[in-house]
């Protein structure tokens, strides 16, 4: 593996935003680069004004977009001086693309995870209304993306979306699939149940698991519709839908009560990675009918714990899952419900999905991701300064 001689500075996410997956991503990359003997520094925006009122997003914007660029400029100059070589700036989340303006003469890499928020602000998702402030922010983020020297897209789907929105980036991108940020493995039933005993789950029931929040593209209402349709196919009502995430919102509660399925649904609230691993291990099937994904972590996590997957094929999921899960369009309630029934009733199919799932999950390794990034860093080092953006 080629190792860059320039110091690499990773820009992580603002901690007060609680974007845990992005925080894990940049920290995992830092650890792997250090293990590969890359001179790497990880920097995140300081939570200063945001401490005064964590719920006030405007204070966070001041911290991230006004105060941090000044602090970052000084840090980069200091790192250059200490190493006697200009560093490479790697902004680990495209939502922080406005920070690329700080690069100024340095080569910069931007990781683009998905363009869901940008596309929603552009009106590309029917029925999704974005506030004026959100449109302004996403427009700011979108316009800053091409300032990067190179762009790493976590999937071909994300790359295609970027090329369509920003044709000027066609020669700037490379697909670098995510590596696992948690080493999920199947736990014994006894061990897994012990880790989630506080949830008081109906262990004797068939367990259908979904992981996600109430963001519109996660299609949580669709999960409830699929579960309700499945119960119409399944004679035994001793089935529980476990929603790993927040409580139901009002629309979801109304649906559950109207169809009298609320007693078969349990939300976990906030859980840690060990507890999530345990839920994957005891679940009979994992359901993930997302409207769109830039990559799609949860299905791969489920597969690594030998839990068969029923998911949509929208966004990047067709790319990351292939034929290792049973897939259909995100709003095809009938097919998803029948696929759950197939997994639960056909042991041969289930075993096949488990085997395919393990092989599929193994395709996405942190070592492969690290090697790909080191290659990009080295290629950027070879670029003439006049060719950088």
Protein backbone atom coordinates (compact mmCIF):
# COMPACT_ATOMS: atom_id res chain seq x y z
CA UNK A 1 0.00 0.00 0.00
CA UNK A 2 1.34 3.42 -0.96
CA UNK A 3 1.65 5.84 1.95
CA UNK A 4 1.45 9.62 1.45
CA UNK A 5 4.44 11.63 2.64
CA UNK A 6 2.31 14.70 3.33
CA UNK A 7 0.52 15.04 6.67
CA UNK A 8 -3.22 14.40 6.37
CA UNK A 9 -5.76 16.44 8.34
CA UNK A 10 -9.19 14.87 8.79
CA UNK A 11 -12.10 17.22 9.49
CA UNK A 12 -14.77 15.47 11.55
CA UNK A 13 -18.29 16.59 12.41
CA UNK A 14 -19.49 19.05 15.03
CA UNK A 15 -20.11 16.90 18.11
CA UNK A 16 -23.22 18.81 19.22
CA UNK A 17 -24.99 17.75 16.02
CA UNK A 18 -24.94 14.17 17.34
CA UNK A 19 -24.29 12.71 13.89
CA UNK A 20 -22.93 9.52 15.38
CA UNK A 21 -22.42 7.61 12.14
CA UNK A 22 -20.32 10.46 10.73
CA UNK A 23 -18.33 10.72 13.95
CA UNK A 24 -17.62 6.99 13.83
CA UNK A 25 -16.62 7.27 10.18
CA UNK A 26 -13.93 9.91 10.69
CA UNK A 27 -12.60 8.28 13.87
CA UNK A 28 -12.42 4.88 12.18
CA UNK A 29 -10.54 6.42 9.26
CA UNK A 30 -8.14 8.13 11.67
CA UNK A 31 -7.41 4.86 13.49
CA UNK A 32 -6.82 2.95 10.27
CA UNK A 33 -4.58 5.62 8.78
CA UNK A 34 -2.50 5.70 11.97
CA UNK A 35 -2.19 1.91 11.84
CA UNK A 36 -0.89 2.31 8.28
CA UNK A 37 1.77 4.81 9.52
CA UNK A 38 0.12 7.82 7.89
CA UNK A 39 0.85 11.15 9.59
CA UNK A 40 -2.75 12.06 10.40
CA UNK A 41 -4.49 14.63 12.60
CA UNK A 42 -8.22 14.62 13.39
CA UNK A 43 -9.91 17.96 14.05
CA UNK A 44 -13.55 18.76 14.86
CA UNK A 45 -15.25 22.14 15.31
CA UNK A 46 -15.26 23.26 18.94
CA UNK A 47 -18.63 23.41 20.66
CA UNK A 48 -18.45 26.97 21.99
CA UNK A 49 -21.65 28.97 21.59
CA UNK A 50 -23.50 25.71 21.11
CA UNK A 51 -22.96 24.91 24.78
CA UNK A 52 -25.18 27.83 25.76
CA UNK A 53 -28.23 26.25 24.16
CA UNK A 54 -27.66 22.86 22.44
CA UNK A 55 -31.12 23.02 20.84
CA UNK A 56 -30.39 26.30 19.07
CA UNK A 57 -29.09 25.27 15.65
CA UNK A 58 -28.10 28.85 14.79
CA UNK A 59 -25.51 28.91 17.57
CA UNK A 60 -24.14 25.69 16.09
CA UNK A 61 -23.94 27.30 12.64
CA UNK A 62 -21.88 30.15 14.12
CA UNK A 63 -19.54 27.62 15.75
CA UNK A 64 -19.15 25.56 12.56
CA UNK A 65 -19.27 28.10 9.76
CA UNK A 66 -17.90 31.30 11.29
CA UNK A 67 -15.65 30.51 14.26
CA UNK A 68 -14.20 27.16 13.20
CA UNK A 69 -12.78 28.27 9.80
CA UNK A 70 -10.63 30.84 11.61
CA UNK A 71 -9.44 28.24 14.13
CA UNK A 72 -8.83 25.68 11.38
CA UNK A 73 -6.72 28.06 9.32
CA UNK A 74 -4.37 28.56 12.26
CA UNK A 75 -4.20 24.81 12.99
CA UNK A 76 -3.36 23.98 9.38
CA UNK A 77 -0.60 26.59 9.28
CA UNK A 78 0.81 25.16 12.51
CA UNK A 79 0.74 21.58 11.16
CA UNK A 80 2.46 22.72 7.95
CA UNK A 81 5.15 24.47 9.97
CA UNK A 82 5.82 21.53 12.28
CA UNK A 83 6.04 19.01 9.42
CA UNK A 84 7.77 21.41 7.02
CA UNK A 85 5.36 20.21 4.36
CA UNK A 86 1.92 21.36 3.23
CA UNK A 87 -0.80 19.07 4.55
CA UNK A 88 -3.67 17.44 2.66
CA UNK A 89 -7.09 18.47 3.96
CA UNK A 90 -9.72 15.71 4.03
CA UNK A 91 -13.24 16.89 4.89
CA UNK A 92 -14.91 13.64 5.95
CA UNK A 93 -18.52 14.69 5.38
CA UNK A 94 -19.77 16.67 2.38
CA UNK A 95 -22.16 18.61 4.64
CA UNK A 96 -19.02 20.44 5.79
CA UNK A 97 -18.01 21.36 2.24
CA UNK A 98 -18.00 25.14 3.04
CA UNK A 99 -14.82 24.44 5.06
CA UNK A 100 -12.98 23.68 1.80
CA UNK A 101 -12.46 27.41 1.35
CA UNK A 102 -9.88 27.19 4.15
CA UNK A 103 -7.69 24.88 2.04
CA UNK A 104 -6.24 27.77 -0.03
CA UNK A 105 -3.27 26.29 -1.87
CA UNK A 106 -3.55 22.92 -0.17
CA UNK A 107 -4.90 19.86 -1.89
CA UNK A 108 -8.25 18.79 -0.48
CA UNK A 109 -10.39 15.67 -0.51
CA UNK A 110 -14.11 15.58 0.26
CA UNK A 111 -16.07 12.44 1.15
CA UNK A 112 -19.58 12.61 -0.30
CA UNK A 113 -21.92 10.25 1.55
CA UNK A 114 -25.27 11.06 -0.04
CA UNK A 115 -27.05 13.99 -1.63
CA UNK A 116 -30.44 13.34 -0.04
CA UNK A 117 -30.69 16.70 1.76
CA UNK A 118 -29.39 18.61 -1.26
CA UNK A 119 -31.81 16.83 -3.60
CA UNK A 120 -34.69 17.42 -1.19
CA UNK A 121 -33.84 21.14 -1.11
CA UNK A 122 -33.88 21.12 -4.92
CA UNK A 123 -37.40 19.62 -4.83
CA UNK A 124 -36.44 16.24 -6.25
CA UNK A 125 -38.41 14.18 -3.70
CA UNK A 126 -42.13 14.58 -4.17
CA UNK A 127 -44.05 15.49 -1.04
CA UNK A 128 -41.03 16.58 1.01
CA UNK A 129 -41.22 20.21 2.12
CA UNK A 130 -37.91 21.79 3.16
CA UNK A 131 -37.86 24.95 5.30
CA UNK A 132 -36.37 28.10 3.77
CA UNK A 133 -33.43 27.94 6.18
CA UNK A 134 -32.72 24.37 5.13
CA UNK A 135 -32.78 25.35 1.46
CA UNK A 136 -30.29 28.15 2.08
CA UNK A 137 -27.94 25.83 4.00
CA UNK A 138 -28.11 23.03 1.42
CA UNK A 139 -27.56 25.50 -1.41
CA UNK A 140 -24.44 26.73 0.41
CA UNK A 141 -23.21 23.14 0.84
CA UNK A 142 -23.98 22.22 -2.79
CA UNK A 143 -22.12 25.19 -4.26
CA UNK A 144 -19.00 24.50 -2.17
CA UNK A 145 -18.55 20.84 -3.18
CA UNK A 146 -16.60 21.46 -6.43
CA UNK A 147 -13.97 23.43 -4.47
CA UNK A 148 -12.38 20.09 -3.50
CA UNK A 149 -9.37 18.81 -5.43
CA UNK A 150 -10.82 15.30 -5.39
CA UNK A 151 -14.12 13.80 -4.19
CA UNK A 152 -14.62 10.30 -2.78
CA UNK A 153 -18.18 9.00 -3.16
CA UNK A 154 -19.27 6.15 -0.89
CA UNK A 155 -21.30 4.50 -3.65
CA UNK A 156 -21.82 4.63 -7.40
CA UNK A 157 -25.33 5.93 -6.70
CA UNK A 158 -23.93 8.92 -4.83
CA UNK A 159 -21.37 9.49 -7.59
CA UNK A 160 -24.08 9.46 -10.26
CA UNK A 161 -26.21 11.92 -8.27
CA UNK A 162 -23.22 14.22 -7.86
CA UNK A 163 -22.32 14.13 -11.56
CA UNK A 164 -25.91 14.97 -12.47
CA UNK A 165 -26.10 17.90 -10.05
CA UNK A 166 -22.51 19.05 -10.62
CA UNK A 167 -21.35 17.97 -14.13
CA UNK A 168 -18.03 19.74 -13.48
CA UNK A 169 -17.09 17.02 -10.95
CA UNK A 170 -17.03 14.16 -13.48
CA UNK A 171 -13.23 13.96 -13.55
CA UNK A 172 -12.82 14.60 -9.83
CA UNK A 173 -14.52 11.57 -8.26
CA UNK A 174 -13.74 8.03 -7.22
CA UNK A 175 -16.00 5.51 -5.49
CA UNK A 176 -14.65 4.43 -2.10
CA UNK A 177 -17.07 2.11 -0.34
CA UNK A 178 -17.38 2.47 3.41
CA UNK A 179 -15.61 -0.03 5.63
CA UNK A 180 -17.34 -1.40 8.69
CA UNK A 181 -17.21 1.02 11.63
CA UNK A 182 -18.20 -1.73 14.06
CA UNK A 183 -17.08 -5.34 14.03
CA UNK A 184 -20.52 -6.94 14.35
CA UNK A 185 -20.63 -10.72 14.80
CA UNK A 186 -23.45 -13.06 15.70
CA UNK A 187 -23.81 -13.53 19.46
CA UNK A 188 -25.15 -16.60 21.19
CA UNK A 189 -28.85 -16.36 22.05
CA UNK A 190 -28.13 -16.36 25.77
CA UNK A 191 -25.47 -13.65 25.54
CA UNK A 192 -27.56 -11.48 23.22
CA UNK A 193 -30.67 -11.70 25.39
CA UNK A 194 -28.64 -10.68 28.44
CA UNK A 195 -27.45 -7.50 26.68
CA UNK A 196 -30.99 -6.35 25.89
CA UNK A 197 -32.86 -7.70 28.91
CA UNK A 198 -33.72 -4.12 29.96
CA UNK A 199 -35.94 -3.88 26.87
CA UNK A 200 -38.13 -6.73 28.14
CA UNK A 201 -38.66 -8.11 24.65
CA UNK A 202 -41.13 -10.93 23.96
CA UNK A 203 -38.31 -13.44 23.38
CA UNK A 204 -40.66 -16.28 22.42
CA UNK A 205 -42.15 -14.21 19.60
CA UNK A 206 -40.91 -13.96 16.05
CA UNK A 207 -38.86 -10.75 15.96
CA UNK A 208 -38.75 -8.38 12.99
CA UNK A 209 -36.10 -5.67 13.41
CA UNK A 210 -35.80 -2.23 11.84
CA UNK A 211 -33.00 0.24 12.55
CA UNK A 212 -33.49 3.93 11.82
CA UNK A 213 -34.93 7.24 12.93
CA UNK A 214 -37.98 9.22 11.86
CA UNK A 215 -36.27 10.95 8.93
CA UNK A 216 -38.66 10.84 5.96
CA UNK A 217 -36.31 8.84 3.73
CA UNK A 218 -36.03 6.03 6.31
CA UNK A 219 -39.70 5.27 5.54
CA UNK A 220 -40.65 4.30 9.10
CA UNK A 221 -44.37 4.63 8.35
CA UNK A 222 -43.77 2.24 5.47
CA UNK A 223 -42.24 -0.21 7.95
CA UNK A 224 -45.49 -0.14 9.94
CA UNK A 225 -47.55 -0.64 6.79
CA UNK A 226 -45.45 -3.64 5.80
CA UNK A 227 -45.71 -5.09 9.30
CA UNK A 228 -49.49 -4.65 9.26
CA UNK A 229 -49.71 -6.36 5.86
CA UNK A 230 -47.49 -9.18 7.13
CA UNK A 231 -49.77 -9.77 10.13
CA UNK A 232 -52.61 -10.18 7.65
CA UNK A 233 -50.65 -13.06 6.07
CA UNK A 234 -49.40 -14.59 9.31
CA UNK A 235 -51.87 -16.64 11.33
CA UNK A 236 -49.78 -16.51 14.51
CA UNK A 237 -49.96 -13.03 16.09
CA UNK A 238 -47.01 -13.82 18.39
CA UNK A 239 -44.82 -11.50 16.34
CA UNK A 240 -43.07 -8.33 17.45
CA UNK A 241 -41.73 -5.43 15.39
CA UNK A 242 -38.67 -3.97 17.12
CA UNK A 243 -37.85 -0.43 16.08
CA UNK A 244 -34.28 0.35 17.11
CA UNK A 245 -34.57 4.09 17.41
CA UNK A 246 -36.83 6.84 18.80
CA UNK A 247 -40.48 6.56 19.75
CA UNK A 248 -43.15 6.69 17.05
CA UNK A 249 -44.22 10.11 15.81
CA UNK A 250 -47.88 11.16 15.77
CA UNK A 251 -48.60 9.88 12.27
CA UNK A 252 -47.06 6.50 13.10
CA UNK A 253 -48.95 6.26 16.40
CA UNK A 254 -52.23 7.01 14.66
CA UNK A 255 -51.56 4.32 12.05
CA UNK A 256 -50.64 1.72 14.68
CA UNK A 257 -53.76 2.46 16.75
CA UNK A 258 -56.07 2.51 13.74
CA UNK A 259 -54.86 -0.95 12.70
CA UNK A 260 -54.59 -2.23 16.27
CA UNK A 261 -50.96 -3.27 16.00
CA UNK A 262 -49.47 -1.04 18.70
CA UNK A 263 -49.18 -3.96 21.14
CA UNK A 264 -46.97 -5.77 18.64
CA UNK A 265 -44.53 -2.86 18.30
CA UNK A 266 -41.67 -1.92 20.59
CA UNK A 267 -39.26 1.03 20.26
CA UNK A 268 -35.89 0.73 21.94
CA UNK A 269 -34.91 4.38 22.27
CA UNK A 270 -31.19 5.09 22.41
CA UNK A 271 -29.01 1.94 22.52
CA UNK A 272 -25.28 1.32 22.25
CA UNK A 273 -23.48 -0.73 19.60
CA UNK A 274 -23.30 -3.88 21.76
CA UNK A 275 -27.05 -3.79 22.33
CA UNK A 276 -27.67 -3.24 18.62
CA UNK A 277 -25.42 -6.20 17.82
CA UNK A 278 -27.50 -8.26 20.24
CA UNK A 279 -30.76 -7.22 18.54
CA UNK A 280 -29.39 -8.22 15.14
CA UNK A 281 -28.39 -11.58 16.64
CA UNK A 282 -31.82 -12.45 18.04
CA UNK A 283 -33.94 -11.00 15.23
CA UNK A 284 -35.55 -13.45 12.82
CA UNK A 285 -35.51 -10.99 9.93
CA UNK A 286 -34.23 -7.47 9.31
CA UNK A 287 -36.57 -5.06 7.49
CA UNK A 288 -35.18 -1.96 5.75
CA UNK A 289 -37.52 -0.45 3.10
CA UNK A 290 -35.65 2.87 2.88
CA UNK A 291 -36.69 5.39 0.22
CA UNK A 292 -33.09 6.30 -0.47
CA UNK A 293 -29.62 5.61 0.93
CA UNK A 294 -26.20 6.94 0.07
CA UNK A 295 -24.62 3.69 1.24
CA UNK A 296 -26.73 1.73 3.72
CA UNK A 297 -25.03 0.51 6.89
CA UNK A 298 -27.80 -1.36 8.76
CA UNK A 299 -28.47 -4.14 6.20
CA UNK A 300 -24.75 -4.98 6.11
CA UNK A 301 -24.57 -4.96 9.90
CA UNK A 302 -27.52 -7.36 9.97
CA UNK A 303 -25.86 -9.65 7.44
CA UNK A 304 -22.63 -9.75 9.43
CA UNK A 305 -24.65 -11.12 12.37
CA UNK A 306 -26.34 -13.75 10.16
CA UNK A 307 -29.72 -12.02 10.11
CA UNK A 308 -31.51 -12.32 6.73
CA UNK A 309 -32.43 -9.02 5.08
CA UNK A 310 -35.64 -7.80 3.44
CA UNK A 311 -35.00 -4.34 1.99
CA UNK A 312 -35.73 -1.86 -0.75
CA UNK A 313 -33.55 -1.70 -3.82
CA UNK A 314 -33.63 2.09 -3.94
CA UNK A 315 -30.64 4.41 -3.83
CA UNK A 316 -27.42 2.55 -3.15
CA UNK A 317 -29.07 -0.54 -1.65
CA UNK A 318 -29.17 -2.41 -4.96
CA UNK A 319 -25.42 -1.81 -5.20
CA UNK A 320 -24.52 -2.76 -1.63
CA UNK A 321 -26.87 -5.76 -1.32
CA UNK A 322 -26.96 -7.28 -4.79
CA UNK A 323 -28.78 -10.61 -4.58
CA UNK A 324 -27.87 -11.19 -0.93
CA UNK A 325 -31.25 -10.00 0.34
CA UNK A 326 -34.88 -10.04 -0.78
CA UNK A 327 -35.57 -6.62 -2.30
CA UNK A 328 -38.40 -4.62 -3.83
CA UNK A 329 -39.30 -0.98 -4.39
CA UNK A 330 -39.51 1.03 -1.17
CA UNK A 331 -43.30 1.46 -1.38
CA UNK A 332 -44.14 -2.11 -2.49
CA UNK A 333 -45.83 -3.07 0.77
CA UNK A 334 -47.26 -6.34 -0.51
CA UNK A 335 -43.96 -7.74 -1.82
CA UNK A 336 -42.04 -6.76 1.33
CA UNK A 337 -44.65 -8.42 3.57
CA UNK A 338 -44.58 -11.59 1.45
CA UNK A 339 -40.78 -11.61 1.55
CA UNK A 340 -40.84 -11.53 5.36
CA UNK A 341 -43.25 -14.46 5.32
CA UNK A 342 -40.96 -16.35 2.93
CA UNK A 343 -37.94 -15.90 5.19
CA UNK A 344 -39.83 -17.06 8.27
CA UNK A 345 -41.42 -20.08 6.61
CA UNK A 346 -38.68 -21.35 4.29
CA UNK A 347 -35.59 -22.55 6.17
CA UNK A 348 -33.72 -23.32 2.94
CA UNK A 349 -34.22 -19.76 1.71
CA UNK A 350 -33.24 -18.36 5.10
CA UNK A 351 -30.00 -20.37 5.18
CA UNK A 352 -29.18 -19.22 1.64
CA UNK A 353 -29.71 -15.58 2.56
CA UNK A 354 -27.54 -15.95 5.67
CA UNK A 355 -24.67 -17.44 3.61
CA UNK A 356 -24.97 -14.83 0.87
CA UNK A 357 -25.25 -12.08 3.47
CA UNK A 358 -22.00 -13.03 5.19
CA UNK A 359 -20.13 -13.07 1.89
CA UNK A 360 -21.64 -9.74 0.91
CA UNK A 361 -20.82 -8.01 4.21
CA UNK A 362 -17.21 -9.15 3.93
CA UNK A 363 -16.85 -7.12 0.72
CA UNK A 364 -16.78 -3.92 2.73
CA UNK A 365 -13.63 -3.76 4.84
CA UNK A 366 -11.96 -0.86 6.60
CA UNK A 367 -8.58 -1.99 5.22
CA UNK A 368 -9.83 -1.70 1.63
CA UNK A 369 -11.24 1.75 2.39
CA UNK A 370 -7.96 2.88 3.97
CA UNK A 371 -5.93 1.58 1.03
CA UNK A 372 -8.18 3.44 -1.40
CA UNK A 373 -7.82 6.70 0.49
CA UNK A 374 -4.03 6.37 0.71
CA UNK A 375 -3.98 5.87 -3.05
CA UNK A 376 -5.98 9.07 -3.54
CA UNK A 377 -3.72 11.02 -1.16
CA UNK A 378 -0.65 9.85 -3.10
CA UNK A 379 -2.23 10.75 -6.43
CA UNK A 380 -3.07 14.20 -5.05
CA UNK A 381 0.53 14.69 -3.94
CA UNK A 382 1.62 14.14 -7.53
CA UNK A 383 -0.69 16.83 -8.86
CA UNK A 384 0.83 20.17 -9.76
CA UNK A 385 -0.31 22.97 -7.52
CA UNK A 386 -1.71 24.78 -10.55
CA UNK A 387 -4.05 21.86 -11.20
CA UNK A 388 -5.65 21.89 -7.75
CA UNK A 389 -8.88 23.69 -7.19
